[in-house]
Amino acid sequence: MDKKTKKRIEVLQQKVAKLQQLLAAAKKQPDDPAEIPRLELELKAAREELSALKS
């Protein structure tokens, strides 16, 4: 694994953690009904890219 891939994995892991927090907050206080599905899609895409890079 090269340096660029390791950095991308690190960034994606941080993004996944942030999105999980945002999603949890959005579910507790649903101000915008379109926000939850958008966050879920972003989270899914980040996780898929992360698993693709790891394999």
N, C-alpha and C. Protein backbone atom coordinates (compact mmCIF):
# COMPACT_ATOMS: atom_id res chain seq x y z
N MET A 1 0.85 -1.17 0.00
CA MET A 1 0.00 0.00 0.00
C MET A 1 0.90 1.25 0.00
N ASP A 2 0.66 2.13 -0.94
CA ASP A 2 1.50 3.31 -1.02
C ASP A 2 1.03 4.41 -0.06
N LYS A 3 1.83 5.44 0.02
CA LYS A 3 1.57 6.53 0.97
C LYS A 3 0.25 7.25 0.68
N LYS A 4 -0.05 7.43 -0.59
CA LYS A 4 -1.27 8.12 -0.99
C LYS A 4 -2.52 7.33 -0.58
N THR A 5 -2.47 6.02 -0.74
CA THR A 5 -3.60 5.17 -0.36
C THR A 5 -3.81 5.17 1.15
N LYS A 6 -2.71 5.11 1.89
CA LYS A 6 -2.81 5.15 3.35
C LYS A 6 -3.43 6.45 3.82
N LYS A 7 -3.05 7.56 3.21
CA LYS A 7 -3.60 8.85 3.59
C LYS A 7 -5.09 8.91 3.25
N ARG A 8 -5.48 8.38 2.09
CA ARG A 8 -6.90 8.38 1.68
C ARG A 8 -7.73 7.54 2.66
N ILE A 9 -7.18 6.40 3.09
CA ILE A 9 -7.88 5.56 4.07
C ILE A 9 -8.07 6.31 5.38
N GLU A 10 -7.03 7.01 5.80
CA GLU A 10 -7.10 7.78 7.04
C GLU A 10 -8.18 8.87 6.94
N VAL A 11 -8.21 9.58 5.82
CA VAL A 11 -9.20 10.63 5.61
C VAL A 11 -10.61 10.04 5.59
N LEU A 12 -10.78 8.91 4.92
CA LEU A 12 -12.10 8.28 4.84
C LEU A 12 -12.57 7.80 6.21
N GLN A 13 -11.66 7.29 7.02
CA GLN A 13 -12.04 6.85 8.36
C GLN A 13 -12.53 8.04 9.20
N GLN A 14 -11.87 9.18 9.06
CA GLN A 14 -12.30 10.38 9.76
C GLN A 14 -13.67 10.83 9.25
N LYS A 15 -13.86 10.75 7.94
CA LYS A 15 -15.13 11.16 7.34
C LYS A 15 -16.27 10.27 7.82
N VAL A 16 -16.02 8.95 7.89
CA VAL A 16 -17.04 8.01 8.35
C VAL A 16 -17.42 8.32 9.80
N ALA A 17 -16.43 8.58 10.64
CA ALA A 17 -16.71 8.90 12.04
C ALA A 17 -17.56 10.18 12.15
N LYS A 18 -17.20 11.19 11.38
CA LYS A 18 -17.95 12.45 11.41
C LYS A 18 -19.37 12.26 10.90
N LEU A 19 -19.53 11.50 9.82
CA LEU A 19 -20.86 11.27 9.27
C LEU A 19 -21.74 10.48 10.23
N GLN A 20 -21.14 9.54 10.96
CA GLN A 20 -21.91 8.77 11.93
C GLN A 20 -22.44 9.69 13.04
N GLN A 21 -21.60 10.63 13.48
CA GLN A 21 -22.03 11.57 14.51
C GLN A 21 -23.14 12.47 13.98
N LEU A 22 -22.97 12.98 12.76
CA LEU A 22 -23.99 13.84 12.17
C LEU A 22 -25.30 13.10 11.98
N LEU A 23 -25.22 11.86 11.56
CA LEU A 23 -26.43 11.06 11.35
C LEU A 23 -27.16 10.81 12.66
N ALA A 24 -26.42 10.50 13.70
CA ALA A 24 -27.03 10.27 15.01
C ALA A 24 -27.72 11.55 15.50
N ALA A 25 -27.08 12.68 15.31
CA ALA A 25 -27.67 13.95 15.72
C ALA A 25 -28.91 14.28 14.89
N ALA A 26 -28.84 13.99 13.59
CA ALA A 26 -29.98 14.27 12.71
C ALA A 26 -31.18 13.39 13.06
N LYS A 27 -30.91 12.17 13.50
CA LYS A 27 -32.00 11.27 13.87
C LYS A 27 -32.65 11.71 15.19
N LYS A 28 -31.84 12.27 16.10
CA LYS A 28 -32.39 12.75 17.37
C LYS A 28 -33.24 14.00 17.17
N GLN A 29 -32.80 14.86 16.25
CA GLN A 29 -33.49 16.11 16.03
C GLN A 29 -33.66 16.35 14.52
N PRO A 30 -34.67 15.73 13.93
CA PRO A 30 -34.85 15.82 12.47
C PRO A 30 -35.42 17.16 12.02
N ASP A 31 -34.55 18.15 11.86
CA ASP A 31 -34.98 19.47 11.39
C ASP A 31 -35.30 19.44 9.90
N ASP A 32 -34.42 18.79 9.14
CA ASP A 32 -34.58 18.72 7.69
C ASP A 32 -34.83 17.26 7.31
N PRO A 33 -36.01 16.95 6.79
CA PRO A 33 -36.32 15.54 6.47
C PRO A 33 -35.42 14.94 5.38
N ALA A 34 -34.81 15.76 4.54
CA ALA A 34 -33.95 15.25 3.47
C ALA A 34 -32.52 14.99 3.95
N GLU A 35 -32.20 15.45 5.14
CA GLU A 35 -30.83 15.34 5.64
C GLU A 35 -30.44 13.90 5.98
N ILE A 36 -31.34 13.15 6.60
CA ILE A 36 -31.03 11.79 7.03
C ILE A 36 -30.71 10.88 5.84
N PRO A 37 -31.53 10.83 4.79
CA PRO A 37 -31.17 9.99 3.64
C PRO A 37 -29.87 10.43 2.95
N ARG A 38 -29.63 11.75 2.91
CA ARG A 38 -28.40 12.26 2.30
C ARG A 38 -27.17 11.80 3.09
N LEU A 39 -27.25 11.89 4.41
CA LEU A 39 -26.14 11.46 5.26
C LEU A 39 -25.92 9.95 5.14
N GLU A 40 -27.01 9.19 5.07
CA GLU A 40 -26.89 7.74 4.93
C GLU A 40 -26.21 7.38 3.61
N LEU A 41 -26.55 8.09 2.54
CA LEU A 41 -25.91 7.83 1.25
C LEU A 41 -24.43 8.17 1.28
N GLU A 42 -24.08 9.31 1.87
CA GLU A 42 -22.67 9.70 1.97
C GLU A 42 -21.89 8.69 2.80
N LEU A 43 -22.49 8.24 3.89
CA LEU A 43 -21.84 7.27 4.77
C LEU A 43 -21.61 5.95 4.04
N LYS A 44 -22.62 5.51 3.30
CA LYS A 44 -22.50 4.27 2.54
C LYS A 44 -21.40 4.37 1.49
N ALA A 45 -21.35 5.48 0.78
CA ALA A 45 -20.33 5.68 -0.25
C ALA A 45 -18.93 5.71 0.35
N ALA A 46 -18.78 6.37 1.48
CA ALA A 46 -17.47 6.45 2.13
C ALA A 46 -17.03 5.06 2.61
N ARG A 47 -17.96 4.30 3.17
CA ARG A 47 -17.62 2.95 3.63
C ARG A 47 -17.25 2.04 2.47
N GLU A 48 -17.96 2.16 1.35
CA GLU A 48 -17.65 1.34 0.18
C GLU A 48 -16.27 1.67 -0.37
N GLU A 49 -15.94 2.95 -0.46
CA GLU A 49 -14.63 3.35 -0.95
C GLU A 49 -13.53 2.87 0.00
N LEU A 50 -13.80 2.96 1.28
CA LEU A 50 -12.85 2.51 2.28
C LEU A 50 -12.59 1.01 2.16
N SER A 51 -13.64 0.22 2.01
CA SER A 51 -13.44 -1.22 1.89
C SER A 51 -12.74 -1.57 0.57
N ALA A 52 -13.01 -0.81 -0.48
CA ALA A 52 -12.34 -1.05 -1.76
C ALA A 52 -10.85 -0.75 -1.65
N LEU A 53 -10.50 0.29 -0.94
CA LEU A 53 -9.08 0.63 -0.78
C LEU A 53 -8.35 -0.37 0.10
N LYS A 54 -9.05 -0.91 1.09
CA LYS A 54 -8.41 -1.86 2.01
C LYS A 54 -8.18 -3.21 1.37
N SER A 55 -9.00 -3.58 0.39
CA SER A 55 -8.84 -4.90 -0.23
C SER A 55 -7.90 -4.87 -1.41
